[in-house]
N, C-alpha and C. Protein backbone atom coordinates (compact mmCIF):
# COMPACT_ATOMS: atom_id res chain seq x y z
N MET A 1 0.84 -1.20 0.00
CA MET A 1 0.00 0.00 0.00
C MET A 1 0.87 1.25 0.00
N ILE A 2 0.58 2.20 -0.89
CA ILE A 2 1.36 3.43 -0.99
C ILE A 2 0.74 4.49 -0.10
N ILE A 3 1.55 5.03 0.83
CA ILE A 3 1.09 6.06 1.76
C ILE A 3 1.61 7.41 1.29
N ASN A 4 0.70 8.38 1.19
CA ASN A 4 1.09 9.73 0.82
C ASN A 4 2.12 10.27 1.82
N ASN A 5 3.23 10.81 1.29
CA ASN A 5 4.32 11.27 2.15
C ASN A 5 3.89 12.42 3.05
N LYS A 6 3.05 13.32 2.50
CA LYS A 6 2.58 14.45 3.31
C LYS A 6 1.74 13.97 4.48
N MET A 7 0.88 12.97 4.22
CA MET A 7 0.06 12.42 5.30
C MET A 7 0.94 11.75 6.35
N TYR A 8 1.94 11.01 5.89
CA TYR A 8 2.86 10.34 6.83
C TYR A 8 3.56 11.36 7.72
N LYS A 9 4.07 12.44 7.12
CA LYS A 9 4.78 13.47 7.88
C LYS A 9 3.84 14.15 8.87
N ARG A 10 2.59 14.39 8.43
CA ARG A 10 1.61 15.02 9.32
C ARG A 10 1.31 14.15 10.52
N ILE A 11 1.08 12.87 10.27
CA ILE A 11 0.79 11.93 11.35
C ILE A 11 1.99 11.80 12.28
N GLU A 12 3.18 11.72 11.71
CA GLU A 12 4.41 11.60 12.51
C GLU A 12 4.57 12.80 13.43
N LYS A 13 4.34 13.99 12.90
CA LYS A 13 4.46 15.21 13.71
C LYS A 13 3.44 15.23 14.83
N LYS A 14 2.21 14.85 14.51
CA LYS A 14 1.15 14.86 15.52
C LYS A 14 1.43 13.82 16.62
N ILE A 15 1.94 12.67 16.23
CA ILE A 15 2.27 11.64 17.23
C ILE A 15 3.34 12.15 18.19
N ASN A 16 4.35 12.84 17.65
CA ASN A 16 5.40 13.42 18.50
C ASN A 16 4.82 14.46 19.46
N LEU A 17 3.95 15.32 18.94
CA LEU A 17 3.37 16.37 19.78
C LEU A 17 2.43 15.78 20.83
N ALA A 18 1.76 14.69 20.48
CA ALA A 18 0.87 14.02 21.44
C ALA A 18 1.64 13.15 22.42
N ASN A 19 2.92 12.93 22.12
CA ASN A 19 3.81 12.11 22.97
C ASN A 19 3.29 10.67 23.09
N LEU A 20 2.85 10.12 21.95
CA LEU A 20 2.34 8.75 21.92
C LEU A 20 3.45 7.80 21.48
N LYS A 21 3.43 6.60 22.05
CA LYS A 21 4.43 5.58 21.72
C LYS A 21 3.88 4.65 20.64
N VAL A 22 3.70 5.20 19.46
CA VAL A 22 3.18 4.41 18.34
C VAL A 22 3.85 4.90 17.06
N LYS A 23 4.12 3.97 16.16
CA LYS A 23 4.74 4.31 14.89
C LYS A 23 3.68 4.91 13.95
N PRO A 24 4.08 5.89 13.13
CA PRO A 24 3.11 6.49 12.19
C PRO A 24 2.41 5.47 11.30
N MET A 25 3.17 4.51 10.76
CA MET A 25 2.56 3.51 9.89
C MET A 25 1.56 2.64 10.64
N ALA A 26 1.87 2.33 11.90
CA ALA A 26 0.94 1.53 12.70
C ALA A 26 -0.36 2.30 12.90
N PHE A 27 -0.27 3.58 13.19
CA PHE A 27 -1.47 4.41 13.37
C PHE A 27 -2.29 4.44 12.09
N ILE A 28 -1.62 4.66 10.96
CA ILE A 28 -2.31 4.74 9.67
C ILE A 28 -3.04 3.43 9.35
N TYR A 29 -2.37 2.30 9.57
CA TYR A 29 -2.98 1.01 9.26
C TYR A 29 -4.12 0.68 10.23
N ILE A 30 -3.96 1.01 11.50
CA ILE A 30 -5.03 0.76 12.48
C ILE A 30 -6.28 1.53 12.09
N ARG A 31 -6.09 2.80 11.70
CA ARG A 31 -7.25 3.61 11.30
C ARG A 31 -7.93 3.04 10.06
N LEU A 32 -7.14 2.63 9.09
CA LEU A 32 -7.71 2.06 7.86
C LEU A 32 -8.44 0.75 8.13
N ILE A 33 -7.84 -0.11 8.96
CA ILE A 33 -8.45 -1.41 9.26
C ILE A 33 -9.76 -1.23 10.02
N MET A 34 -9.76 -0.33 11.02
CA MET A 34 -10.98 -0.10 11.79
C MET A 34 -12.09 0.46 10.91
N THR A 35 -11.71 1.40 10.02
CA THR A 35 -12.70 1.98 9.11
C THR A 35 -13.27 0.92 8.18
N ALA A 36 -12.40 0.05 7.67
CA ALA A 36 -12.85 -1.01 6.75
C ALA A 36 -13.78 -1.99 7.45
N ILE A 37 -13.45 -2.34 8.70
CA ILE A 37 -14.29 -3.27 9.46
C ILE A 37 -15.68 -2.69 9.70
N VAL A 38 -15.72 -1.43 10.12
CA VAL A 38 -17.01 -0.76 10.36
C VAL A 38 -17.81 -0.68 9.07
N PHE A 39 -17.15 -0.36 7.96
CA PHE A 39 -17.82 -0.25 6.67
C PHE A 39 -18.47 -1.59 6.29
N ILE A 40 -17.71 -2.65 6.42
CA ILE A 40 -18.22 -3.97 6.04
C ILE A 40 -19.36 -4.41 6.94
N LEU A 41 -19.21 -4.20 8.26
CA LEU A 41 -20.26 -4.59 9.20
C LEU A 41 -21.57 -3.86 8.93
N LEU A 42 -21.47 -2.55 8.67
CA LEU A 42 -22.68 -1.78 8.39
C LEU A 42 -23.28 -2.18 7.05
N LEU A 43 -22.43 -2.50 6.10
CA LEU A 43 -22.90 -2.84 4.76
C LEU A 43 -23.70 -4.15 4.76
N VAL A 44 -23.26 -5.13 5.55
CA VAL A 44 -23.90 -6.45 5.53
C VAL A 44 -24.98 -6.61 6.60
N SER A 45 -25.01 -5.70 7.58
CA SER A 45 -25.94 -5.90 8.69
C SER A 45 -27.22 -5.09 8.58
N SER A 46 -27.31 -4.23 7.59
CA SER A 46 -28.49 -3.39 7.47
C SER A 46 -28.92 -3.26 6.01
N LYS A 47 -30.22 -3.22 5.81
CA LYS A 47 -30.70 -3.05 4.44
C LYS A 47 -30.42 -1.65 3.92
N TYR A 48 -30.10 -0.74 4.85
CA TYR A 48 -29.70 0.62 4.44
C TYR A 48 -28.18 0.78 4.49
N GLY A 49 -27.46 -0.35 4.55
CA GLY A 49 -26.02 -0.31 4.70
C GLY A 49 -25.30 0.43 3.58
N TYR A 50 -25.81 0.29 2.36
CA TYR A 50 -25.18 0.96 1.21
C TYR A 50 -25.19 2.48 1.38
N PHE A 51 -26.15 2.98 2.18
CA PHE A 51 -26.25 4.42 2.43
C PHE A 51 -25.51 4.82 3.71
N ILE A 52 -25.69 4.01 4.76
CA ILE A 52 -25.11 4.35 6.06
C ILE A 52 -23.61 4.09 6.11
N ALA A 53 -23.17 2.97 5.53
CA ALA A 53 -21.77 2.55 5.65
C ALA A 53 -20.77 3.60 5.16
N PRO A 54 -20.94 4.19 3.98
CA PRO A 54 -19.97 5.19 3.53
C PRO A 54 -19.92 6.42 4.43
N ILE A 55 -21.11 6.88 4.89
CA ILE A 55 -21.16 8.08 5.72
C ILE A 55 -20.48 7.85 7.06
N VAL A 56 -20.85 6.75 7.73
CA VAL A 56 -20.27 6.45 9.04
C VAL A 56 -18.77 6.20 8.92
N SER A 57 -18.34 5.54 7.86
CA SER A 57 -16.92 5.23 7.68
C SER A 57 -16.09 6.49 7.48
N ILE A 58 -16.62 7.42 6.70
CA ILE A 58 -15.90 8.69 6.48
C ILE A 58 -15.80 9.49 7.78
N VAL A 59 -16.91 9.53 8.52
CA VAL A 59 -16.91 10.25 9.80
C VAL A 59 -15.93 9.61 10.78
N LEU A 60 -15.94 8.27 10.84
CA LEU A 60 -15.02 7.54 11.72
C LEU A 60 -13.57 7.81 11.34
N TYR A 61 -13.28 7.79 10.04
CA TYR A 61 -11.91 8.01 9.55
C TYR A 61 -11.39 9.38 9.99
N ILE A 62 -12.27 10.39 9.90
CA ILE A 62 -11.87 11.75 10.29
C ILE A 62 -11.76 11.88 11.81
N LEU A 63 -12.78 11.36 12.52
CA LEU A 63 -12.81 11.49 13.97
C LEU A 63 -11.68 10.71 14.65
N PHE A 64 -11.25 9.61 14.04
CA PHE A 64 -10.20 8.79 14.64
C PHE A 64 -8.92 9.61 14.84
N GLU A 65 -8.53 10.36 13.81
CA GLU A 65 -7.34 11.20 13.93
C GLU A 65 -7.57 12.34 14.92
N TYR A 66 -8.78 12.91 14.89
CA TYR A 66 -9.06 14.03 15.79
C TYR A 66 -9.02 13.58 17.25
N ILE A 67 -9.69 12.47 17.56
CA ILE A 67 -9.78 12.01 18.95
C ILE A 67 -8.43 11.50 19.45
N CYS A 68 -7.77 10.70 18.63
CA CYS A 68 -6.51 10.07 19.07
C CYS A 68 -5.33 11.03 19.05
N LEU A 69 -5.33 11.99 18.13
CA LEU A 69 -4.17 12.87 17.98
C LEU A 69 -4.49 14.33 18.32
N ASP A 70 -5.39 14.94 17.56
CA ASP A 70 -5.64 16.37 17.74
C ASP A 70 -6.11 16.71 19.15
N LYS A 71 -7.08 15.95 19.65
CA LYS A 71 -7.61 16.22 20.98
C LYS A 71 -6.54 15.96 22.05
N THR A 72 -5.75 14.92 21.85
CA THR A 72 -4.66 14.62 22.79
C THR A 72 -3.63 15.73 22.80
N ILE A 73 -3.33 16.28 21.62
CA ILE A 73 -2.37 17.38 21.51
C ILE A 73 -2.87 18.61 22.26
N ILE A 74 -4.15 18.92 22.09
CA ILE A 74 -4.73 20.08 22.77
C ILE A 74 -4.66 19.91 24.29
N GLU A 75 -5.03 18.72 24.76
CA GLU A 75 -4.99 18.46 26.20
C GLU A 75 -3.55 18.51 26.74
N ARG A 76 -2.61 17.99 25.95
CA ARG A 76 -1.21 18.02 26.37
C ARG A 76 -0.67 19.44 26.38
N MET A 77 -1.06 20.24 25.40
CA MET A 77 -0.65 21.64 25.35
C MET A 77 -1.13 22.39 26.60
N GLU A 78 -2.39 22.19 26.95
CA GLU A 78 -2.95 22.85 28.13
C GLU A 78 -2.24 22.41 29.40
N LEU A 79 -1.92 21.12 29.50
CA LEU A 79 -1.23 20.60 30.68
C LEU A 79 0.18 21.19 30.78
N LEU A 80 0.91 21.22 29.67
CA LEU A 80 2.28 21.74 29.68
C LEU A 80 2.31 23.23 30.00
N GLU A 81 1.33 23.96 29.49
CA GLU A 81 1.27 25.40 29.79
C GLU A 81 0.96 25.63 31.26
N LYS A 82 0.08 24.81 31.81
CA LYS A 82 -0.21 24.89 33.24
C LYS A 82 1.05 24.57 34.05
N ASP A 83 1.77 23.53 33.64
CA ASP A 83 3.00 23.14 34.35
C ASP A 83 4.10 24.18 34.20
N ALA A 84 4.09 24.89 33.07
CA ALA A 84 5.10 25.93 32.84
C ALA A 84 4.99 27.05 33.88
N LEU A 85 3.76 27.32 34.31
CA LEU A 85 3.54 28.37 35.31
C LEU A 85 4.13 27.98 36.66
N GLU A 86 4.33 26.70 36.88
CA GLU A 86 4.96 26.21 38.10
C GLU A 86 6.47 26.04 37.92
N PHE A 87 6.86 25.56 36.74
CA PHE A 87 8.27 25.20 36.51
C PHE A 87 9.17 26.42 36.31
N PHE A 88 8.79 27.32 35.40
CA PHE A 88 9.70 28.37 34.99
C PHE A 88 9.94 29.48 36.03
N PRO A 89 8.96 29.81 36.89
CA PRO A 89 9.30 30.76 37.96
C PRO A 89 10.41 30.23 38.87
N ILE A 90 10.38 28.94 39.18
CA ILE A 90 11.45 28.34 39.98
C ILE A 90 12.76 28.36 39.20
N PHE A 91 12.68 28.04 37.92
CA PHE A 91 13.88 28.08 37.07
C PHE A 91 14.48 29.49 37.08
N ASN A 92 13.64 30.50 36.97
CA ASN A 92 14.12 31.89 36.96
C ASN A 92 14.89 32.22 38.24
N ILE A 93 14.35 31.80 39.37
CA ILE A 93 15.00 32.07 40.66
C ILE A 93 16.37 31.41 40.71
N VAL A 94 16.42 30.15 40.29
CA VAL A 94 17.69 29.41 40.30
C VAL A 94 18.67 30.03 39.32
N PHE A 95 18.18 30.39 38.15
CA PHE A 95 19.04 30.95 37.10
C PHE A 95 19.62 32.30 37.52
N LYS A 96 18.83 33.09 38.26
CA LYS A 96 19.30 34.40 38.74
C LYS A 96 20.46 34.26 39.70
N ASN A 97 20.55 33.13 40.36
CA ASN A 97 21.61 32.92 41.34
C ASN A 97 22.93 32.48 40.70
N GLY A 98 23.04 32.69 39.38
CA GLY A 98 24.31 32.46 38.72
C GLY A 98 24.51 31.07 38.18
N LYS A 99 23.47 30.27 38.15
CA LYS A 99 23.59 28.92 37.62
C LYS A 99 23.59 28.96 36.09
N SER A 100 24.23 27.98 35.48
CA SER A 100 24.13 27.83 34.02
C SER A 100 22.75 27.28 33.68
N VAL A 101 22.41 27.29 32.39
CA VAL A 101 21.10 26.77 31.98
C VAL A 101 20.96 25.32 32.40
N LYS A 102 21.98 24.52 32.15
CA LYS A 102 21.93 23.10 32.50
C LYS A 102 21.77 22.90 34.01
N ASN A 103 22.57 23.62 34.79
CA ASN A 103 22.48 23.48 36.25
C ASN A 103 21.15 23.98 36.79
N ALA A 104 20.63 25.04 36.17
CA ALA A 104 19.32 25.56 36.60
C ALA A 104 18.22 24.55 36.31
N ILE A 105 18.31 23.87 35.17
CA ILE A 105 17.33 22.82 34.86
C ILE A 105 17.43 21.69 35.87
N GLU A 106 18.66 21.28 36.18
CA GLU A 106 18.86 20.19 37.14
C GLU A 106 18.28 20.53 38.50
N LYS A 107 18.52 21.74 38.97
CA LYS A 107 18.01 22.15 40.29
C LYS A 107 16.48 22.26 40.29
N THR A 108 15.93 22.76 39.17
CA THR A 108 14.48 22.96 39.10
C THR A 108 13.72 21.64 39.11
N ILE A 109 14.23 20.65 38.38
CA ILE A 109 13.50 19.37 38.34
C ILE A 109 13.61 18.62 39.67
N GLU A 110 14.55 19.03 40.52
CA GLU A 110 14.61 18.46 41.87
C GLU A 110 13.50 19.03 42.75
N ILE A 111 13.04 20.24 42.39
CA ILE A 111 12.02 20.93 43.19
C ILE A 111 10.62 20.70 42.63
N VAL A 112 10.52 20.78 41.31
CA VAL A 112 9.20 20.70 40.65
C VAL A 112 9.04 19.32 40.00
N ASP A 113 7.91 18.71 40.27
CA ASP A 113 7.62 17.38 39.70
C ASP A 113 6.31 17.45 38.93
N ASN A 114 6.40 17.63 37.62
CA ASN A 114 5.23 17.61 36.77
C ASN A 114 5.63 17.13 35.37
N SER A 115 4.71 17.19 34.43
CA SER A 115 4.98 16.65 33.10
C SER A 115 6.08 17.42 32.38
N LEU A 116 6.17 18.73 32.62
CA LEU A 116 7.23 19.51 31.99
C LEU A 116 8.59 19.15 32.58
N SER A 117 8.62 18.86 33.87
CA SER A 117 9.85 18.38 34.49
C SER A 117 10.32 17.08 33.86
N GLU A 118 9.35 16.21 33.55
CA GLU A 118 9.70 14.94 32.90
C GLU A 118 10.34 15.16 31.54
N GLU A 119 9.85 16.16 30.82
CA GLU A 119 10.44 16.48 29.52
C GLU A 119 11.88 16.96 29.68
N PHE A 120 12.12 17.77 30.70
CA PHE A 120 13.48 18.26 30.92
C PHE A 120 14.40 17.15 31.45
N LYS A 121 13.82 16.19 32.14
CA LYS A 121 14.62 15.03 32.55
C LYS A 121 15.12 14.26 31.33
N LEU A 122 14.26 14.16 30.31
CA LEU A 122 14.68 13.51 29.07
C LEU A 122 15.81 14.29 28.40
N VAL A 123 15.73 15.62 28.48
CA VAL A 123 16.80 16.46 27.94
C VAL A 123 18.12 16.15 28.62
N LEU A 124 18.11 16.08 29.95
CA LEU A 124 19.33 15.80 30.70
C LEU A 124 19.83 14.38 30.44
N ASP A 125 18.91 13.45 30.28
CA ASP A 125 19.30 12.07 29.95
C ASP A 125 20.04 12.03 28.61
N ASN A 126 19.53 12.79 27.64
CA ASN A 126 20.18 12.84 26.33
C ASN A 126 21.56 13.49 26.42
N VAL A 127 21.68 14.52 27.27
CA VAL A 127 22.97 15.17 27.47
C VAL A 127 23.96 14.18 28.09
N ASN A 128 23.49 13.41 29.04
CA ASN A 128 24.35 12.42 29.69
C ASN A 128 24.78 11.31 28.73
N LEU A 129 23.97 11.11 27.68
CA LEU A 129 24.32 10.10 26.67
C LEU A 129 25.25 10.64 25.59
N GLY A 130 25.58 11.93 25.70
CA GLY A 130 26.56 12.49 24.77
C GLY A 130 26.06 13.57 23.84
N LYS A 131 24.76 13.83 23.84
CA LYS A 131 24.24 14.90 22.98
C LYS A 131 24.50 16.25 23.63
N SER A 132 24.56 17.28 22.82
CA SER A 132 24.72 18.64 23.36
C SER A 132 23.40 19.11 23.96
N LEU A 133 23.46 20.09 24.85
CA LEU A 133 22.24 20.61 25.45
C LEU A 133 21.37 21.27 24.39
N ASP A 134 21.99 21.98 23.44
CA ASP A 134 21.23 22.64 22.37
C ASP A 134 20.45 21.62 21.55
N GLU A 135 21.10 20.54 21.18
CA GLU A 135 20.45 19.49 20.39
C GLU A 135 19.32 18.84 21.17
N SER A 136 19.56 18.61 22.44
CA SER A 136 18.54 17.96 23.28
C SER A 136 17.32 18.86 23.46
N LEU A 137 17.56 20.17 23.61
CA LEU A 137 16.45 21.12 23.72
C LEU A 137 15.68 21.21 22.40
N LEU A 138 16.39 21.14 21.29
CA LEU A 138 15.73 21.15 19.98
C LEU A 138 14.83 19.93 19.83
N ASN A 139 15.32 18.77 20.22
CA ASN A 139 14.51 17.56 20.15
C ASN A 139 13.29 17.66 21.07
N MET A 140 13.47 18.28 22.22
CA MET A 140 12.36 18.47 23.14
C MET A 140 11.28 19.36 22.51
N SER A 141 11.71 20.41 21.82
CA SER A 141 10.75 21.35 21.22
C SER A 141 9.85 20.65 20.21
N LYS A 142 10.32 19.57 19.59
CA LYS A 142 9.52 18.83 18.61
C LYS A 142 8.40 18.04 19.29
N ARG A 143 8.51 17.87 20.62
CA ARG A 143 7.47 17.14 21.36
C ARG A 143 6.53 18.08 22.10
N ILE A 144 6.76 19.39 21.99
CA ILE A 144 5.98 20.37 22.75
C ILE A 144 4.99 21.08 21.83
N PRO A 145 3.69 20.94 22.05
CA PRO A 145 2.70 21.57 21.17
C PRO A 145 2.40 23.03 21.48
N SER A 146 2.96 23.56 22.57
CA SER A 146 2.68 24.94 22.96
C SER A 146 3.71 25.89 22.37
N ILE A 147 3.24 26.90 21.64
CA ILE A 147 4.15 27.89 21.05
C ILE A 147 4.90 28.64 22.13
N MET A 148 4.19 29.01 23.20
CA MET A 148 4.81 29.82 24.24
C MET A 148 5.86 29.05 25.03
N VAL A 149 5.59 27.78 25.31
CA VAL A 149 6.60 26.95 25.98
C VAL A 149 7.79 26.75 25.06
N ASN A 150 7.54 26.60 23.77
CA ASN A 150 8.63 26.46 22.81
C ASN A 150 9.45 27.75 22.70
N ASN A 151 8.79 28.89 22.87
CA ASN A 151 9.52 30.16 22.88
C ASN A 151 10.52 30.20 24.03
N VAL A 152 10.11 29.67 25.18
CA VAL A 152 11.01 29.62 26.34
C VAL A 152 12.18 28.67 26.05
N ILE A 153 11.88 27.54 25.42
CA ILE A 153 12.94 26.58 25.07
C ILE A 153 13.96 27.24 24.13
N THR A 154 13.46 28.04 23.19
CA THR A 154 14.36 28.79 22.30
C THR A 154 15.22 29.76 23.10
N ASP A 155 14.61 30.42 24.08
CA ASP A 155 15.37 31.33 24.95
C ASP A 155 16.46 30.59 25.71
N LEU A 156 16.14 29.39 26.19
CA LEU A 156 17.13 28.60 26.92
C LEU A 156 18.30 28.23 26.02
N THR A 157 17.98 27.88 24.78
CA THR A 157 19.03 27.51 23.83
C THR A 157 19.95 28.70 23.55
N GLU A 158 19.35 29.88 23.33
CA GLU A 158 20.15 31.07 23.05
C GLU A 158 20.99 31.47 24.26
N SER A 159 20.41 31.34 25.44
CA SER A 159 21.16 31.67 26.65
C SER A 159 22.32 30.71 26.85
N ASN A 160 22.10 29.44 26.53
CA ASN A 160 23.17 28.45 26.66
C ASN A 160 24.32 28.77 25.71
N ARG A 161 23.98 29.30 24.52
CA ARG A 161 25.03 29.63 23.54
C ARG A 161 25.71 30.96 23.86
N LEU A 162 24.89 31.96 24.20
CA LEU A 162 25.41 33.34 24.29
C LEU A 162 25.58 33.84 25.73
N GLY A 163 24.95 33.14 26.67
CA GLY A 163 25.06 33.55 28.07
C GLY A 163 24.23 34.76 28.43
N ASN A 164 23.22 35.10 27.61
CA ASN A 164 22.40 36.28 27.88
C ASN A 164 21.33 35.98 28.93
N ASN A 165 20.86 37.05 29.57
CA ASN A 165 19.84 36.92 30.60
C ASN A 165 18.47 36.74 29.94
N ILE A 166 17.71 35.77 30.41
CA ILE A 166 16.43 35.45 29.77
C ILE A 166 15.25 35.54 30.74
N ASN A 167 15.49 36.08 31.94
CA ASN A 167 14.42 36.11 32.94
C ASN A 167 13.20 36.90 32.47
N GLU A 168 13.44 38.09 31.90
CA GLU A 168 12.33 38.92 31.45
C GLU A 168 11.58 38.27 30.31
N SER A 169 12.33 37.63 29.40
CA SER A 169 11.70 36.96 28.27
C SER A 169 10.82 35.80 28.74
N ILE A 170 11.30 35.04 29.72
CA ILE A 170 10.51 33.94 30.27
C ILE A 170 9.25 34.47 30.96
N ASN A 171 9.40 35.54 31.72
CA ASN A 171 8.25 36.14 32.41
C ASN A 171 7.20 36.62 31.40
N LEU A 172 7.66 37.14 30.27
CA LEU A 172 6.73 37.58 29.22
C LEU A 172 5.92 36.41 28.70
N GLN A 173 6.57 35.29 28.44
CA GLN A 173 5.86 34.10 27.95
C GLN A 173 4.89 33.57 29.00
N LEU A 174 5.27 33.63 30.27
CA LEU A 174 4.38 33.18 31.34
C LEU A 174 3.15 34.08 31.43
N ASP A 175 3.34 35.39 31.23
CA ASP A 175 2.20 36.32 31.21
C ASP A 175 1.26 35.98 30.06
N LEU A 176 1.82 35.65 28.91
CA LEU A 176 1.01 35.28 27.75
C LEU A 176 0.23 33.99 28.01
N ILE A 177 0.87 33.04 28.68
CA ILE A 177 0.18 31.80 29.03
C ILE A 177 -0.99 32.08 29.98
N ASN A 178 -0.76 32.93 30.97
CA ASN A 178 -1.83 33.30 31.91
C ASN A 178 -3.00 33.95 31.19
N GLU A 179 -2.70 34.86 30.26
CA GLU A 179 -3.76 35.53 29.51
C GLU A 179 -4.52 34.54 28.65
N LYS A 180 -3.81 33.64 28.03
CA LYS A 180 -4.45 32.63 27.18
C LYS A 180 -5.36 31.73 28.00
N ARG A 181 -4.90 31.32 29.17
CA ARG A 181 -5.72 30.45 30.03
C ARG A 181 -6.99 31.16 30.48
N LYS A 182 -6.90 32.45 30.77
CA LYS A 182 -8.08 33.22 31.16
C LYS A 182 -9.08 33.31 30.01
N LYS A 183 -8.56 33.57 28.79
CA LYS A 183 -9.44 33.66 27.63
C LYS A 183 -10.09 32.32 27.33
N ASP A 184 -9.31 31.25 27.44
CA ASP A 184 -9.86 29.91 27.20
C ASP A 184 -10.97 29.58 28.19
N TYR A 185 -10.78 29.98 29.44
CA TYR A 185 -11.78 29.73 30.48
C TYR A 185 -13.08 30.47 30.15
N LEU A 186 -12.98 31.74 29.77
CA LEU A 186 -14.16 32.53 29.43
C LEU A 186 -14.84 31.99 28.18
N THR A 187 -14.04 31.54 27.23
CA THR A 187 -14.61 30.96 26.01
C THR A 187 -15.38 29.68 26.32
N ASP A 188 -14.81 28.85 27.19
CA ASP A 188 -15.48 27.61 27.59
C ASP A 188 -16.84 27.90 28.23
N LEU A 189 -16.89 28.94 29.06
CA LEU A 189 -18.16 29.30 29.70
C LEU A 189 -19.20 29.71 28.67
N ARG A 190 -18.77 30.42 27.63
CA ARG A 190 -19.71 30.93 26.63
C ARG A 190 -20.25 29.82 25.73
N ILE A 191 -19.42 28.79 25.49
CA ILE A 191 -19.86 27.77 24.52
C ILE A 191 -20.49 26.54 25.17
N ILE A 192 -20.64 26.57 26.50
CA ILE A 192 -21.29 25.44 27.17
C ILE A 192 -22.70 25.19 26.62
N PRO A 193 -23.55 26.24 26.48
CA PRO A 193 -24.90 25.99 25.91
C PRO A 193 -24.83 25.40 24.50
N PHE A 194 -23.87 25.86 23.70
CA PHE A 194 -23.71 25.34 22.34
C PHE A 194 -23.33 23.87 22.37
N ARG A 195 -22.43 23.49 23.28
CA ARG A 195 -22.00 22.09 23.39
C ARG A 195 -23.16 21.20 23.80
N ILE A 196 -23.99 21.69 24.72
CA ILE A 196 -25.14 20.91 25.16
C ILE A 196 -26.09 20.67 24.00
N THR A 197 -26.31 21.71 23.18
CA THR A 197 -27.18 21.58 22.01
C THR A 197 -26.64 20.57 21.02
N ILE A 198 -25.33 20.63 20.76
CA ILE A 198 -24.70 19.69 19.82
C ILE A 198 -24.80 18.26 20.33
N MET A 199 -24.56 18.07 21.63
CA MET A 199 -24.65 16.73 22.22
C MET A 199 -26.07 16.18 22.09
N PHE A 200 -27.05 17.06 22.28
CA PHE A 200 -28.44 16.63 22.16
C PHE A 200 -28.75 16.20 20.73
N ILE A 201 -28.27 16.98 19.75
CA ILE A 201 -28.49 16.66 18.34
C ILE A 201 -27.82 15.33 17.98
N ILE A 202 -26.57 15.16 18.46
CA ILE A 202 -25.86 13.90 18.20
C ILE A 202 -26.60 12.72 18.78
N PHE A 203 -27.13 12.89 20.00
CA PHE A 203 -27.89 11.82 20.65
C PHE A 203 -29.11 11.44 19.82
N ILE A 204 -29.82 12.46 19.32
CA ILE A 204 -31.01 12.20 18.50
C ILE A 204 -30.63 11.47 17.22
N LEU A 205 -29.54 11.92 16.58
CA LEU A 205 -29.11 11.28 15.34
C LEU A 205 -28.69 9.83 15.58
N LEU A 206 -27.96 9.59 16.69
CA LEU A 206 -27.56 8.23 17.01
C LEU A 206 -28.77 7.35 17.29
N PHE A 207 -29.74 7.90 17.98
CA PHE A 207 -30.96 7.15 18.29
C PHE A 207 -31.70 6.79 17.01
N LEU A 208 -31.86 7.78 16.10
CA LEU A 208 -32.54 7.51 14.85
C LEU A 208 -31.76 6.52 14.00
N GLY A 209 -30.41 6.66 14.03
CA GLY A 209 -29.58 5.72 13.27
C GLY A 209 -29.72 4.31 13.78
N THR A 210 -29.81 4.15 15.10
CA THR A 210 -29.98 2.83 15.69
C THR A 210 -31.33 2.24 15.33
N VAL A 211 -32.34 3.10 15.36
CA VAL A 211 -33.69 2.65 14.99
C VAL A 211 -33.72 2.15 13.56
N ILE A 212 -33.10 2.92 12.66
CA ILE A 212 -33.08 2.54 11.23
C ILE A 212 -32.25 1.29 11.01
N LEU A 213 -31.07 1.25 11.69
CA LEU A 213 -30.12 0.16 11.49
C LEU A 213 -30.70 -1.19 11.89
N PHE A 214 -31.35 -1.23 13.04
CA PHE A 214 -31.86 -2.49 13.56
C PHE A 214 -33.33 -2.74 13.27
N GLY A 215 -33.92 -1.81 12.51
CA GLY A 215 -35.29 -2.00 12.06
C GLY A 215 -36.29 -2.08 13.21
N ILE A 216 -36.06 -1.22 14.24
CA ILE A 216 -36.98 -1.25 15.41
C ILE A 216 -38.35 -0.77 15.02
N ILE A 217 -38.38 0.18 14.07
CA ILE A 217 -39.70 0.65 13.63
C ILE A 217 -39.81 0.50 12.11
């Protein structure tokens, strides 16, 4: 089977950002196999299968990537941004006391224990295996879906190379994260009625689909 290179690269990038332990080809094949199974089951189990099967299969194919990858990326981004508000203020304090970037990271992960700390532990593990700190931070940035957290990682890399002070730059990114979280919270409050309406519509459609599929009426 020939896989489109752009699709492969897109899936690979999303898997890295979602921090999932699955190969891109495995994900692609699992999605295709599940879609094919659902298509066949709907086609042979209902007299309306020729109509229902293509629609449900297309929706499943699209939703599979969204639920497994896109939604996971969004949740991971929110978690890392929340953890950044705990991690980087401590890093700033340690860094101000004259520590190098590497030493400041080491001291901070001893104090802060969250998902962002785990990412920095991987950075230090890679450094201990012989990679440079810059290279390890670059690899870390490929696993981070948050632009603002990645901006801080870029600041750390530049500081490691040039020795410049990055406290103000980090504080700016933390302020942006705080503002974003506030806006997201207000947005969630506004769209709750819309979500309830959508869920109700989906429930009705699923109910009608079940009725048609199994010939209850």
